[in-house]
Amino acid sequence: MIVCGAMKSNKNFKEFNFSEAKLVKKTLLFENCLNIVVGKGNFDSDILFVGEAPGRKEDELGEPFVGASGKNLDKLLLRVGLSLDDIYVANILKCRPPENRDPTKEEVVAHTPWLLKQIREMRPRVVCSLGNYATRFFLALGKVEDMKKQDKISDVHGKVRKIKIEGLEFKLIPLFHPAAIIYNRTKLTPLWEEDMEIVKNEVFDKVVDCR
């Protein structure tokens, strides 16, 4: 896990000299961001959460999910008996798009190899896509041009899918994004908790009770 203060950028860190990072460094997103946002949590865990991209606060601190959505994620994990010790959190993009706009196809293509490197090294039992964008990314097998054809998160949340991307095979379980839950806690929080029981069942072989 890499954590950087807002006053010191990590963009020139020596550990970011591998080929996948060099692809990211060729993008305008890299030129304009403050920090590379790699991930946080337990890289040895069996659960990987994947969001879309860093926001303003994440860009400032070089760490994902540190704003309001991050605080809500901590609360949501606590409700199901988990913490960052039990999961790892990353994004498809390692650099913040200006004004949090949607990434372009070229940007996603440049950043995808780094995410796949993380999955390959981590070897999680379950990947949980957070929200619409990340879910459609995985359902489209990383092909941006096919993302709009995929189902919405409201239709596929909590459903286990087997995914294969560039030789990597893993189980995908889409989840509502913590930021979305902030604005609709009454409806989405119980659904998130039910979906997380499915995740825990896949990882820890626990019996799911969704009554």
N, C-alpha and C. Protein backbone atom coordinates (compact mmCIF):
# COMPACT_ATOMS: atom_id res chain seq x y z
N MET A 1 0.85 -1.18 0.00
CA MET A 1 0.00 0.00 0.00
C MET A 1 0.88 1.23 0.00
N ILE A 2 0.49 2.23 -0.81
CA ILE A 2 1.28 3.45 -0.92
C ILE A 2 0.44 4.62 -0.44
N VAL A 3 0.92 5.32 0.55
CA VAL A 3 0.20 6.46 1.08
C VAL A 3 1.12 7.66 1.02
N CYS A 4 0.62 8.75 0.44
CA CYS A 4 1.47 9.93 0.29
C CYS A 4 0.74 11.16 0.82
N GLY A 5 1.47 12.04 1.42
CA GLY A 5 0.89 13.28 1.87
C GLY A 5 0.57 14.19 0.69
N ALA A 6 -0.32 15.14 0.92
CA ALA A 6 -0.78 16.00 -0.17
C ALA A 6 0.34 16.88 -0.70
N MET A 7 1.38 17.15 0.09
CA MET A 7 2.42 18.08 -0.33
C MET A 7 3.53 17.40 -1.11
N LYS A 8 3.54 16.10 -1.15
CA LYS A 8 4.61 15.39 -1.84
C LYS A 8 4.02 14.39 -2.82
N SER A 9 4.35 14.55 -4.10
CA SER A 9 3.80 13.66 -5.12
C SER A 9 4.59 12.36 -5.18
N ASN A 10 3.89 11.27 -5.54
CA ASN A 10 4.55 9.97 -5.68
C ASN A 10 4.83 9.64 -7.15
N LYS A 11 4.61 10.59 -8.04
CA LYS A 11 4.67 10.30 -9.48
C LYS A 11 6.05 9.86 -9.97
N ASN A 12 7.07 10.23 -9.24
CA ASN A 12 8.43 9.87 -9.65
C ASN A 12 9.04 8.77 -8.79
N PHE A 13 8.22 8.08 -8.03
CA PHE A 13 8.74 7.00 -7.21
C PHE A 13 9.36 5.91 -8.08
N LYS A 14 10.48 5.37 -7.62
CA LYS A 14 11.22 4.38 -8.41
C LYS A 14 10.44 3.10 -8.62
N GLU A 15 9.54 2.76 -7.68
CA GLU A 15 8.80 1.50 -7.83
C GLU A 15 7.78 1.54 -8.96
N PHE A 16 7.59 2.72 -9.56
CA PHE A 16 6.66 2.83 -10.68
C PHE A 16 7.39 2.81 -12.02
N ASN A 17 8.41 1.99 -12.12
CA ASN A 17 9.18 1.91 -13.36
C ASN A 17 8.91 0.64 -14.16
N PHE A 18 7.93 -0.15 -13.76
CA PHE A 18 7.60 -1.36 -14.51
C PHE A 18 6.76 -0.99 -15.74
N SER A 19 6.63 -1.93 -16.65
CA SER A 19 6.06 -1.62 -17.97
C SER A 19 4.62 -1.11 -17.89
N GLU A 20 3.80 -1.71 -17.01
CA GLU A 20 2.40 -1.28 -16.91
C GLU A 20 2.29 0.16 -16.40
N ALA A 21 3.17 0.54 -15.49
CA ALA A 21 3.17 1.91 -14.99
C ALA A 21 3.65 2.88 -16.06
N LYS A 22 4.57 2.44 -16.88
CA LYS A 22 5.08 3.31 -17.95
C LYS A 22 3.98 3.65 -18.96
N LEU A 23 3.05 2.72 -19.17
CA LEU A 23 1.91 3.01 -20.05
C LEU A 23 1.06 4.14 -19.48
N VAL A 24 0.83 4.09 -18.17
CA VAL A 24 0.06 5.12 -17.50
C VAL A 24 0.76 6.47 -17.59
N LYS A 25 2.08 6.45 -17.46
CA LYS A 25 2.85 7.69 -17.47
C LYS A 25 2.86 8.39 -18.82
N LYS A 26 2.42 7.70 -19.85
CA LYS A 26 2.38 8.30 -21.18
C LYS A 26 1.08 9.08 -21.42
N THR A 27 0.14 9.01 -20.48
CA THR A 27 -1.16 9.64 -20.67
C THR A 27 -1.19 11.07 -20.13
N LEU A 28 -2.13 11.85 -20.66
CA LEU A 28 -2.32 13.21 -20.15
C LEU A 28 -2.85 13.19 -18.73
N LEU A 29 -3.58 12.15 -18.38
CA LEU A 29 -4.06 12.03 -17.01
C LEU A 29 -2.90 12.05 -16.02
N PHE A 30 -1.84 11.33 -16.38
CA PHE A 30 -0.66 11.30 -15.51
C PHE A 30 -0.02 12.68 -15.41
N GLU A 31 0.08 13.36 -16.53
CA GLU A 31 0.71 14.68 -16.54
C GLU A 31 -0.06 15.67 -15.66
N ASN A 32 -1.39 15.53 -15.61
CA ASN A 32 -2.21 16.51 -14.91
C ASN A 32 -2.58 16.14 -13.48
N CYS A 33 -2.34 14.88 -13.08
CA CYS A 33 -2.72 14.48 -11.72
C CYS A 33 -1.63 14.85 -10.72
N LEU A 34 -1.97 14.84 -9.45
CA LEU A 34 -1.00 15.12 -8.39
C LEU A 34 -0.28 13.85 -7.96
N ASN A 35 -1.02 12.76 -7.86
CA ASN A 35 -0.47 11.49 -7.39
C ASN A 35 -1.02 10.32 -8.20
N ILE A 36 -0.24 9.25 -8.25
CA ILE A 36 -0.74 7.97 -8.73
C ILE A 36 -1.45 7.29 -7.56
N VAL A 37 -2.66 6.83 -7.80
CA VAL A 37 -3.45 6.20 -6.74
C VAL A 37 -3.49 4.69 -7.02
N VAL A 38 -2.72 3.94 -6.27
CA VAL A 38 -2.55 2.51 -6.54
C VAL A 38 -3.62 1.66 -5.85
N GLY A 39 -3.72 1.77 -4.53
CA GLY A 39 -4.68 0.96 -3.79
C GLY A 39 -4.40 1.04 -2.30
N LYS A 40 -5.26 0.39 -1.52
CA LYS A 40 -5.04 0.32 -0.08
C LYS A 40 -5.76 -0.90 0.47
N GLY A 41 -5.35 -1.31 1.65
CA GLY A 41 -5.94 -2.49 2.27
C GLY A 41 -4.95 -3.62 2.35
N ASN A 42 -5.46 -4.84 2.38
CA ASN A 42 -4.65 -6.04 2.52
C ASN A 42 -4.48 -6.71 1.16
N PHE A 43 -3.29 -6.58 0.58
CA PHE A 43 -3.03 -7.12 -0.76
C PHE A 43 -3.00 -8.65 -0.76
N ASP A 44 -2.93 -9.26 0.41
CA ASP A 44 -2.93 -10.71 0.52
C ASP A 44 -4.33 -11.28 0.77
N SER A 45 -5.33 -10.42 0.76
CA SER A 45 -6.69 -10.89 1.03
C SER A 45 -7.29 -11.57 -0.21
N ASP A 46 -8.45 -12.16 -0.03
CA ASP A 46 -9.13 -12.88 -1.12
C ASP A 46 -10.19 -12.03 -1.80
N ILE A 47 -10.37 -10.79 -1.34
CA ILE A 47 -11.41 -9.92 -1.89
C ILE A 47 -10.78 -8.64 -2.43
N LEU A 48 -11.04 -8.35 -3.69
CA LEU A 48 -10.56 -7.11 -4.32
C LEU A 48 -11.76 -6.27 -4.73
N PHE A 49 -11.83 -5.05 -4.21
CA PHE A 49 -12.84 -4.08 -4.63
C PHE A 49 -12.22 -3.21 -5.71
N VAL A 50 -12.96 -2.97 -6.79
CA VAL A 50 -12.45 -2.13 -7.89
C VAL A 50 -13.46 -1.05 -8.24
N GLY A 51 -13.05 0.20 -8.14
CA GLY A 51 -13.87 1.32 -8.56
C GLY A 51 -13.42 1.85 -9.90
N GLU A 52 -13.95 3.01 -10.27
CA GLU A 52 -13.65 3.59 -11.58
C GLU A 52 -12.33 4.35 -11.60
N ALA A 53 -12.23 5.39 -10.78
CA ALA A 53 -11.07 6.28 -10.83
C ALA A 53 -10.98 7.10 -9.55
N PRO A 54 -9.81 7.65 -9.26
CA PRO A 54 -9.67 8.51 -8.08
C PRO A 54 -10.44 9.81 -8.24
N GLY A 55 -10.89 10.37 -7.13
CA GLY A 55 -11.49 11.69 -7.11
C GLY A 55 -10.49 12.72 -6.65
N ARG A 56 -10.97 13.92 -6.34
CA ARG A 56 -10.07 15.02 -5.96
C ARG A 56 -9.28 14.70 -4.70
N LYS A 57 -9.97 14.22 -3.66
CA LYS A 57 -9.28 13.95 -2.40
C LYS A 57 -8.30 12.80 -2.56
N GLU A 58 -8.67 11.79 -3.33
CA GLU A 58 -7.79 10.65 -3.57
C GLU A 58 -6.53 11.09 -4.33
N ASP A 59 -6.72 11.98 -5.28
CA ASP A 59 -5.58 12.52 -6.05
C ASP A 59 -4.64 13.29 -5.14
N GLU A 60 -5.19 14.03 -4.21
CA GLU A 60 -4.37 14.83 -3.30
C GLU A 60 -3.53 13.95 -2.38
N LEU A 61 -4.13 12.86 -1.90
CA LEU A 61 -3.47 12.02 -0.89
C LEU A 61 -2.79 10.78 -1.46
N GLY A 62 -3.08 10.44 -2.73
CA GLY A 62 -2.46 9.26 -3.32
C GLY A 62 -3.01 7.96 -2.78
N GLU A 63 -4.27 7.97 -2.35
CA GLU A 63 -4.89 6.79 -1.75
C GLU A 63 -6.36 6.75 -2.14
N PRO A 64 -6.89 5.57 -2.52
CA PRO A 64 -8.29 5.50 -2.93
C PRO A 64 -9.26 5.55 -1.75
N PHE A 65 -10.46 6.03 -2.03
CA PHE A 65 -11.56 6.02 -1.07
C PHE A 65 -11.17 6.67 0.26
N VAL A 66 -10.83 7.94 0.20
CA VAL A 66 -10.49 8.68 1.42
C VAL A 66 -11.48 9.80 1.69
N GLY A 67 -12.39 10.07 0.74
CA GLY A 67 -13.40 11.09 0.93
C GLY A 67 -14.64 10.53 1.60
N ALA A 68 -15.78 11.12 1.28
CA ALA A 68 -17.04 10.68 1.87
C ALA A 68 -17.36 9.23 1.53
N SER A 69 -17.08 8.84 0.28
CA SER A 69 -17.36 7.46 -0.12
C SER A 69 -16.47 6.48 0.63
N GLY A 70 -15.24 6.90 0.92
CA GLY A 70 -14.33 6.05 1.67
C GLY A 70 -14.79 5.85 3.11
N LYS A 71 -15.27 6.92 3.71
CA LYS A 71 -15.79 6.81 5.08
C LYS A 71 -17.02 5.92 5.11
N ASN A 72 -17.84 6.04 4.08
CA ASN A 72 -19.02 5.19 4.03
C ASN A 72 -18.65 3.73 3.79
N LEU A 73 -17.61 3.51 2.97
CA LEU A 73 -17.14 2.15 2.74
C LEU A 73 -16.69 1.51 4.05
N ASP A 74 -15.98 2.27 4.88
CA ASP A 74 -15.54 1.75 6.18
C ASP A 74 -16.74 1.34 7.03
N LYS A 75 -17.78 2.18 7.02
CA LYS A 75 -18.98 1.88 7.81
C LYS A 75 -19.70 0.65 7.26
N LEU A 76 -19.78 0.55 5.94
CA LEU A 76 -20.46 -0.58 5.31
C LEU A 76 -19.74 -1.89 5.60
N LEU A 77 -18.42 -1.84 5.54
CA LEU A 77 -17.64 -3.05 5.86
C LEU A 77 -17.85 -3.47 7.31
N LEU A 78 -17.87 -2.49 8.20
CA LEU A 78 -18.07 -2.78 9.61
C LEU A 78 -19.42 -3.46 9.86
N ARG A 79 -20.43 -3.05 9.10
CA ARG A 79 -21.77 -3.62 9.25
C ARG A 79 -21.80 -5.10 8.91
N VAL A 80 -20.87 -5.56 8.06
CA VAL A 80 -20.84 -6.98 7.69
C VAL A 80 -19.65 -7.70 8.31
N GLY A 81 -19.06 -7.09 9.33
CA GLY A 81 -17.99 -7.75 10.09
C GLY A 81 -16.65 -7.76 9.40
N LEU A 82 -16.40 -6.80 8.50
CA LEU A 82 -15.13 -6.75 7.79
C LEU A 82 -14.49 -5.38 7.96
N SER A 83 -13.23 -5.29 7.50
CA SER A 83 -12.50 -4.03 7.51
C SER A 83 -11.50 -4.06 6.37
N LEU A 84 -10.68 -3.03 6.27
CA LEU A 84 -9.64 -3.00 5.24
C LEU A 84 -8.59 -4.08 5.44
N ASP A 85 -8.59 -4.71 6.60
CA ASP A 85 -7.69 -5.86 6.81
C ASP A 85 -8.16 -7.07 6.02
N ASP A 86 -9.42 -7.04 5.58
CA ASP A 86 -10.01 -8.20 4.91
C ASP A 86 -10.15 -8.02 3.40
N ILE A 87 -9.90 -6.81 2.91
CA ILE A 87 -10.06 -6.56 1.48
C ILE A 87 -8.93 -5.68 0.97
N TYR A 88 -8.84 -5.57 -0.35
CA TYR A 88 -7.95 -4.59 -0.97
C TYR A 88 -8.82 -3.77 -1.93
N VAL A 89 -8.55 -2.46 -2.01
CA VAL A 89 -9.34 -1.56 -2.83
C VAL A 89 -8.45 -0.87 -3.86
N ALA A 90 -8.87 -0.90 -5.12
CA ALA A 90 -8.14 -0.23 -6.18
C ALA A 90 -9.14 0.37 -7.17
N ASN A 91 -8.63 1.03 -8.18
CA ASN A 91 -9.45 1.58 -9.25
C ASN A 91 -8.93 1.11 -10.61
N ILE A 92 -9.80 1.19 -11.62
CA ILE A 92 -9.35 0.90 -12.98
C ILE A 92 -8.29 1.91 -13.38
N LEU A 93 -8.59 3.19 -13.17
CA LEU A 93 -7.64 4.25 -13.47
C LEU A 93 -6.82 4.59 -12.24
N LYS A 94 -5.54 4.82 -12.44
CA LYS A 94 -4.65 5.17 -11.33
C LYS A 94 -4.45 6.68 -11.21
N CYS A 95 -5.00 7.44 -12.15
CA CYS A 95 -4.88 8.89 -12.13
C CYS A 95 -6.26 9.51 -12.29
N ARG A 96 -6.47 10.64 -11.65
CA ARG A 96 -7.78 11.28 -11.66
C ARG A 96 -8.07 11.97 -12.99
N PRO A 97 -9.22 11.69 -13.61
CA PRO A 97 -9.65 12.46 -14.78
C PRO A 97 -10.04 13.87 -14.34
N PRO A 98 -9.72 14.89 -15.13
CA PRO A 98 -10.07 16.27 -14.76
C PRO A 98 -11.56 16.42 -14.49
N GLU A 99 -11.89 17.08 -13.37
CA GLU A 99 -13.28 17.32 -12.99
C GLU A 99 -14.08 16.02 -12.87
N ASN A 100 -13.39 14.93 -12.66
CA ASN A 100 -14.03 13.62 -12.48
C ASN A 100 -14.87 13.19 -13.69
N ARG A 101 -14.46 13.63 -14.87
CA ARG A 101 -15.18 13.24 -16.09
C ARG A 101 -14.97 11.75 -16.37
N ASP A 102 -15.81 11.19 -17.27
CA ASP A 102 -15.63 9.80 -17.67
C ASP A 102 -14.31 9.66 -18.42
N PRO A 103 -13.58 8.58 -18.18
CA PRO A 103 -12.32 8.37 -18.91
C PRO A 103 -12.57 8.04 -20.36
N THR A 104 -11.62 8.37 -21.20
CA THR A 104 -11.71 8.04 -22.62
C THR A 104 -11.29 6.58 -22.83
N LYS A 105 -11.61 6.07 -24.01
CA LYS A 105 -11.22 4.70 -24.34
C LYS A 105 -9.71 4.54 -24.24
N GLU A 106 -8.97 5.52 -24.77
CA GLU A 106 -7.51 5.43 -24.76
C GLU A 106 -6.96 5.42 -23.34
N GLU A 107 -7.59 6.17 -22.45
CA GLU A 107 -7.14 6.20 -21.06
C GLU A 107 -7.38 4.87 -20.36
N VAL A 108 -8.54 4.28 -20.60
CA VAL A 108 -8.85 2.98 -20.00
C VAL A 108 -7.89 1.91 -20.52
N VAL A 109 -7.64 1.94 -21.82
CA VAL A 109 -6.72 0.96 -22.42
C VAL A 109 -5.33 1.09 -21.80
N ALA A 110 -4.89 2.31 -21.54
CA ALA A 110 -3.55 2.53 -20.99
C ALA A 110 -3.46 2.09 -19.53
N HIS A 111 -4.56 2.20 -18.80
CA HIS A 111 -4.54 1.89 -17.36
C HIS A 111 -4.89 0.44 -17.05
N THR A 112 -5.59 -0.23 -17.95
CA THR A 112 -6.04 -1.59 -17.69
C THR A 112 -4.90 -2.57 -17.36
N PRO A 113 -3.77 -2.54 -18.08
CA PRO A 113 -2.70 -3.50 -17.76
C PRO A 113 -2.22 -3.43 -16.30
N TRP A 114 -2.21 -2.25 -15.71
CA TRP A 114 -1.79 -2.13 -14.30
C TRP A 114 -2.80 -2.82 -13.39
N LEU A 115 -4.10 -2.63 -13.66
CA LEU A 115 -5.11 -3.31 -12.87
C LEU A 115 -4.99 -4.82 -13.02
N LEU A 116 -4.80 -5.29 -14.23
CA LEU A 116 -4.66 -6.73 -14.46
C LEU A 116 -3.41 -7.28 -13.78
N LYS A 117 -2.37 -6.47 -13.72
CA LYS A 117 -1.16 -6.86 -12.99
C LYS A 117 -1.48 -7.04 -11.51
N GLN A 118 -2.27 -6.13 -10.96
CA GLN A 118 -2.66 -6.25 -9.55
C GLN A 118 -3.47 -7.52 -9.31
N ILE A 119 -4.41 -7.81 -10.21
CA ILE A 119 -5.22 -9.01 -10.06
C ILE A 119 -4.36 -10.26 -10.19
N ARG A 120 -3.44 -10.24 -11.13
CA ARG A 120 -2.56 -11.40 -11.37
C ARG A 120 -1.69 -11.67 -10.14
N GLU A 121 -1.18 -10.61 -9.52
CA GLU A 121 -0.30 -10.77 -8.36
C GLU A 121 -1.09 -11.09 -7.09
N MET A 122 -2.25 -10.48 -6.96
CA MET A 122 -3.05 -10.67 -5.76
C MET A 122 -3.79 -12.01 -5.77
N ARG A 123 -4.26 -12.41 -6.91
CA ARG A 123 -5.01 -13.67 -7.09
C ARG A 123 -6.20 -13.75 -6.12
N PRO A 124 -7.10 -12.75 -6.15
CA PRO A 124 -8.26 -12.77 -5.25
C PRO A 124 -9.25 -13.87 -5.65
N ARG A 125 -9.98 -14.36 -4.69
CA ARG A 125 -11.03 -15.33 -4.99
C ARG A 125 -12.24 -14.64 -5.60
N VAL A 126 -12.45 -13.38 -5.19
CA VAL A 126 -13.59 -12.61 -5.69
C VAL A 126 -13.15 -11.19 -6.00
N VAL A 127 -13.58 -10.68 -7.15
CA VAL A 127 -13.43 -9.27 -7.48
C VAL A 127 -14.80 -8.64 -7.40
N CYS A 128 -14.92 -7.57 -6.63
CA CYS A 128 -16.18 -6.84 -6.50
C CYS A 128 -16.07 -5.51 -7.24
N SER A 129 -16.82 -5.37 -8.30
CA SER A 129 -16.85 -4.11 -9.03
C SER A 129 -17.80 -3.16 -8.31
N LEU A 130 -17.36 -1.93 -8.10
CA LEU A 130 -18.15 -0.95 -7.36
C LEU A 130 -18.82 0.03 -8.33
N GLY A 131 -20.13 -0.08 -8.44
CA GLY A 131 -20.87 0.86 -9.27
C GLY A 131 -20.98 0.46 -10.73
N ASN A 132 -21.67 1.30 -11.49
CA ASN A 132 -21.98 1.02 -12.89
C ASN A 132 -20.75 0.90 -13.77
N TYR A 133 -19.85 1.89 -13.67
CA TYR A 133 -18.73 1.93 -14.62
C TYR A 133 -17.83 0.71 -14.47
N ALA A 134 -17.40 0.43 -13.25
CA ALA A 134 -16.50 -0.70 -13.03
C ALA A 134 -17.18 -2.02 -13.38
N THR A 135 -18.48 -2.13 -13.07
CA THR A 135 -19.21 -3.36 -13.39
C THR A 135 -19.27 -3.58 -14.90
N ARG A 136 -19.62 -2.55 -15.64
CA ARG A 136 -19.69 -2.68 -17.09
C ARG A 136 -18.32 -2.94 -17.71
N PHE A 137 -17.28 -2.39 -17.09
CA PHE A 137 -15.92 -2.64 -17.56
C PHE A 137 -15.61 -4.13 -17.51
N PHE A 138 -15.90 -4.76 -16.39
CA PHE A 138 -15.60 -6.19 -16.25
C PHE A 138 -16.53 -7.06 -17.09
N LEU A 139 -17.81 -6.71 -17.13
CA LEU A 139 -18.74 -7.50 -17.94
C LEU A 139 -18.39 -7.43 -19.42
N ALA A 140 -17.80 -6.31 -19.84
CA ALA A 140 -17.36 -6.15 -21.23
C ALA A 140 -15.97 -6.71 -21.44
N LEU A 141 -15.43 -7.35 -20.41
CA LEU A 141 -14.09 -7.96 -20.45
C LEU A 141 -13.02 -6.93 -20.80
N GLY A 142 -13.21 -5.72 -20.28
CA GLY A 142 -12.23 -4.66 -20.48
C GLY A 142 -12.32 -3.93 -21.80
N LYS A 143 -13.29 -4.29 -22.62
CA LYS A 143 -13.45 -3.65 -23.94
C LYS A 143 -14.39 -2.46 -23.81
N VAL A 144 -13.82 -1.26 -23.88
CA VAL A 144 -14.60 -0.04 -23.63
C VAL A 144 -15.76 0.09 -24.60
N GLU A 145 -15.54 -0.30 -25.85
CA GLU A 145 -16.58 -0.14 -26.87
C GLU A 145 -17.80 -1.02 -26.59
N ASP A 146 -17.66 -2.02 -25.72
CA ASP A 146 -18.78 -2.91 -25.41
C ASP A 146 -19.44 -2.59 -24.07
N MET A 147 -18.95 -1.58 -23.37
CA MET A 147 -19.45 -1.32 -22.02
C MET A 147 -20.91 -0.88 -21.99
N LYS A 148 -21.31 -0.06 -22.96
CA LYS A 148 -22.68 0.44 -22.96
C LYS A 148 -23.71 -0.66 -23.21
N LYS A 149 -23.26 -1.78 -23.74
CA LYS A 149 -24.17 -2.90 -24.02
C LYS A 149 -24.46 -3.73 -22.77
N GLN A 150 -23.71 -3.49 -21.71
CA GLN A 150 -23.81 -4.33 -20.52
C GLN A 150 -24.95 -3.88 -19.60
N ASP A 151 -25.40 -4.81 -18.75
CA ASP A 151 -26.47 -4.51 -17.80
C ASP A 151 -26.02 -3.49 -16.76
N LYS A 152 -26.99 -2.79 -16.19
CA LYS A 152 -26.73 -1.82 -15.14
C LYS A 152 -26.50 -2.52 -13.80
N ILE A 153 -25.87 -1.81 -12.89
CA ILE A 153 -25.57 -2.37 -11.58
C ILE A 153 -26.85 -2.78 -10.85
N SER A 154 -27.95 -2.07 -11.08
CA SER A 154 -29.21 -2.40 -10.41
C SER A 154 -29.76 -3.76 -10.84
N ASP A 155 -29.31 -4.24 -12.01
CA ASP A 155 -29.78 -5.53 -12.53
C ASP A 155 -28.86 -6.69 -12.18
N VAL A 156 -27.60 -6.40 -11.88
CA VAL A 156 -26.62 -7.49 -11.73
C VAL A 156 -25.95 -7.52 -10.35
N HIS A 157 -26.28 -6.59 -9.46
CA HIS A 157 -25.61 -6.57 -8.16
C HIS A 157 -25.84 -7.88 -7.42
N GLY A 158 -24.79 -8.36 -6.79
CA GLY A 158 -24.88 -9.58 -5.99
C GLY A 158 -24.87 -10.87 -6.78
N LYS A 159 -24.82 -10.79 -8.10
CA LYS A 159 -24.83 -12.00 -8.94
C LYS A 159 -23.40 -12.42 -9.27
N VAL A 160 -23.11 -13.67 -9.07
CA VAL A 160 -21.75 -14.19 -9.30
C VAL A 160 -21.55 -14.50 -10.78
N ARG A 161 -20.50 -13.94 -11.35
CA ARG A 161 -20.15 -14.20 -12.75
C ARG A 161 -18.71 -14.68 -12.81
N LYS A 162 -18.45 -15.61 -13.71
CA LYS A 162 -17.07 -16.01 -13.98
C LYS A 162 -16.55 -15.17 -15.13
N ILE A 163 -15.42 -14.50 -14.88
CA ILE A 163 -14.84 -13.57 -15.85
C ILE A 163 -13.47 -14.07 -16.28
N LYS A 164 -13.17 -13.91 -17.56
CA LYS A 164 -11.84 -14.23 -18.07
C LYS A 164 -11.36 -13.08 -18.95
N ILE A 165 -10.28 -12.44 -18.51
CA ILE A 165 -9.69 -11.32 -19.25
C ILE A 165 -8.21 -11.59 -19.43
N GLU A 166 -7.79 -11.68 -20.65
CA GLU A 166 -6.36 -11.87 -20.98
C GLU A 166 -5.74 -13.00 -20.16
N GLY A 167 -6.44 -14.12 -20.09
CA GLY A 167 -5.92 -15.29 -19.40
C GLY A 167 -6.18 -15.32 -17.91
N LEU A 168 -6.67 -14.21 -17.35
CA LEU A 168 -7.00 -14.16 -15.92
C LEU A 168 -8.44 -14.61 -15.72
N GLU A 169 -8.65 -15.55 -14.81
CA GLU A 169 -10.00 -16.02 -14.50
C GLU A 169 -10.31 -15.74 -13.04
N PHE A 170 -11.49 -15.19 -12.78
CA PHE A 170 -11.89 -14.88 -11.42
C PHE A 170 -13.40 -14.73 -11.35
N LYS A 171 -13.94 -14.77 -10.13
CA LYS A 171 -15.36 -14.56 -9.93
C LYS A 171 -15.61 -13.07 -9.69
N LEU A 172 -16.61 -12.55 -10.39
CA LEU A 172 -17.00 -11.15 -10.25
C LEU A 172 -18.35 -11.08 -9.53
N ILE A 173 -18.41 -10.22 -8.51
CA ILE A 173 -19.68 -9.94 -7.84
C ILE A 173 -19.85 -8.42 -7.77
N PRO A 174 -20.70 -7.85 -8.61
CA PRO A 174 -20.91 -6.40 -8.60
C PRO A 174 -21.59 -5.92 -7.32
N LEU A 175 -21.17 -4.75 -6.85
CA LEU A 175 -21.76 -4.13 -5.67
C LEU A 175 -22.13 -2.68 -5.98
N PHE A 176 -23.12 -2.16 -5.27
CA PHE A 176 -23.41 -0.73 -5.38
C PHE A 176 -22.22 0.07 -4.86
N HIS A 177 -21.98 1.20 -5.49
CA HIS A 177 -20.85 2.04 -5.07
C HIS A 177 -21.17 2.72 -3.73
N PRO A 178 -20.21 2.77 -2.82
CA PRO A 178 -20.45 3.42 -1.53
C PRO A 178 -20.96 4.85 -1.66
N ALA A 179 -20.54 5.57 -2.70
CA ALA A 179 -21.00 6.94 -2.89
C ALA A 179 -22.49 6.97 -3.21
N ALA A 180 -22.96 6.01 -4.02
CA ALA A 180 -24.38 5.94 -4.37
C ALA A 180 -25.22 5.62 -3.14
N ILE A 181 -24.68 4.81 -2.26
CA ILE A 181 -25.43 4.40 -1.06
C ILE A 181 -25.64 5.59 -0.13
N ILE A 182 -24.71 6.55 -0.14
CA ILE A 182 -24.85 7.74 0.70
C ILE A 182 -26.16 8.46 0.41
N TYR A 183 -26.55 8.48 -0.87
CA TYR A 183 -27.74 9.23 -1.28
C TYR A 183 -29.01 8.40 -1.26
N ASN A 184 -28.89 7.11 -0.95
CA ASN A 184 -30.07 6.26 -0.90
C ASN A 184 -29.84 5.14 0.12
N ARG A 185 -29.56 5.54 1.34
CA ARG A 185 -29.17 4.57 2.38
C ARG A 185 -30.29 3.57 2.68
N THR A 186 -31.51 4.06 2.78
CA THR A 186 -32.62 3.19 3.19
C THR A 186 -32.80 2.02 2.24
N LYS A 187 -32.72 2.28 0.96
CA LYS A 187 -32.94 1.23 -0.04
C LYS A 187 -31.69 0.40 -0.30
N LEU A 188 -30.54 1.06 -0.45
CA LEU A 188 -29.34 0.37 -0.93
C LEU A 188 -28.52 -0.32 0.15
N THR A 189 -28.55 0.20 1.38
CA THR A 189 -27.74 -0.43 2.44
C THR A 189 -28.13 -1.89 2.69
N PRO A 190 -29.42 -2.22 2.82
CA PRO A 190 -29.76 -3.64 3.00
C PRO A 190 -29.36 -4.49 1.80
N LEU A 191 -29.46 -3.96 0.60
CA LEU A 191 -29.05 -4.71 -0.59
C LEU A 191 -27.55 -4.95 -0.58
N TRP A 192 -26.78 -3.94 -0.17
CA TRP A 192 -25.32 -4.07 -0.11
C TRP A 192 -24.94 -5.14 0.91
N GLU A 193 -25.63 -5.15 2.04
CA GLU A 193 -25.32 -6.13 3.07
C GLU A 193 -25.64 -7.55 2.59
N GLU A 194 -26.75 -7.71 1.89
CA GLU A 194 -27.09 -9.03 1.34
C GLU A 194 -26.05 -9.46 0.31
N ASP A 195 -25.64 -8.52 -0.53
CA ASP A 195 -24.64 -8.85 -1.56
C ASP A 195 -23.31 -9.22 -0.93
N MET A 196 -22.95 -8.55 0.16
CA MET A 196 -21.68 -8.87 0.82
C MET A 196 -21.72 -10.23 1.50
N GLU A 197 -22.89 -10.67 1.91
CA GLU A 197 -22.99 -12.03 2.45
C GLU A 197 -22.71 -13.05 1.36
N ILE A 198 -23.10 -12.73 0.13
CA ILE A 198 -22.79 -13.60 -1.01
C ILE A 198 -21.28 -13.61 -1.25
N VAL A 199 -20.66 -12.45 -1.15
CA VAL A 199 -19.20 -12.36 -1.28
C VAL A 199 -18.52 -13.20 -0.22
N LYS A 200 -18.94 -13.04 1.02
CA LYS A 200 -18.34 -13.79 2.13
C LYS A 200 -18.56 -15.29 1.96
N ASN A 201 -19.71 -15.66 1.42
CA ASN A 201 -19.98 -17.07 1.18
C ASN A 201 -19.00 -17.65 0.16
N GLU A 202 -18.71 -16.89 -0.88
CA GLU A 202 -17.77 -17.35 -1.90
C GLU A 202 -16.35 -17.46 -1.36
N VAL A 203 -16.01 -16.56 -0.45
CA VAL A 203 -14.64 -16.51 0.06
C VAL A 203 -14.45 -17.39 1.29
N PHE A 204 -15.38 -17.31 2.21
CA PHE A 204 -15.21 -17.97 3.49
C PHE A 204 -16.08 -19.21 3.64
N ASP A 205 -16.84 -19.55 2.57
CA ASP A 205 -17.71 -20.73 2.59
C ASP A 205 -18.73 -20.69 3.72
N LYS A 206 -19.29 -19.49 3.91
CA LYS A 206 -20.33 -19.34 4.91
C LYS A 206 -21.71 -19.49 4.26
N VAL A 207 -22.67 -19.89 5.05
CA VAL A 207 -24.04 -20.05 4.56
C VAL A 207 -24.70 -18.69 4.46
N VAL A 208 -25.32 -18.42 3.32
CA VAL A 208 -25.98 -17.14 3.12
C VAL A 208 -27.44 -17.22 3.57
N ASP A 209 -27.87 -16.27 4.37
CA ASP A 209 -29.26 -16.18 4.80
C ASP A 209 -29.77 -14.80 4.42
N CYS A 210 -30.58 -14.72 3.35
CA CYS A 210 -31.04 -13.43 2.85
C CYS A 210 -32.53 -13.21 3.16
N ARG A 211 -32.99 -13.77 4.25
CA ARG A 211 -34.40 -13.58 4.60
C ARG A 211 -34.68 -12.14 4.97
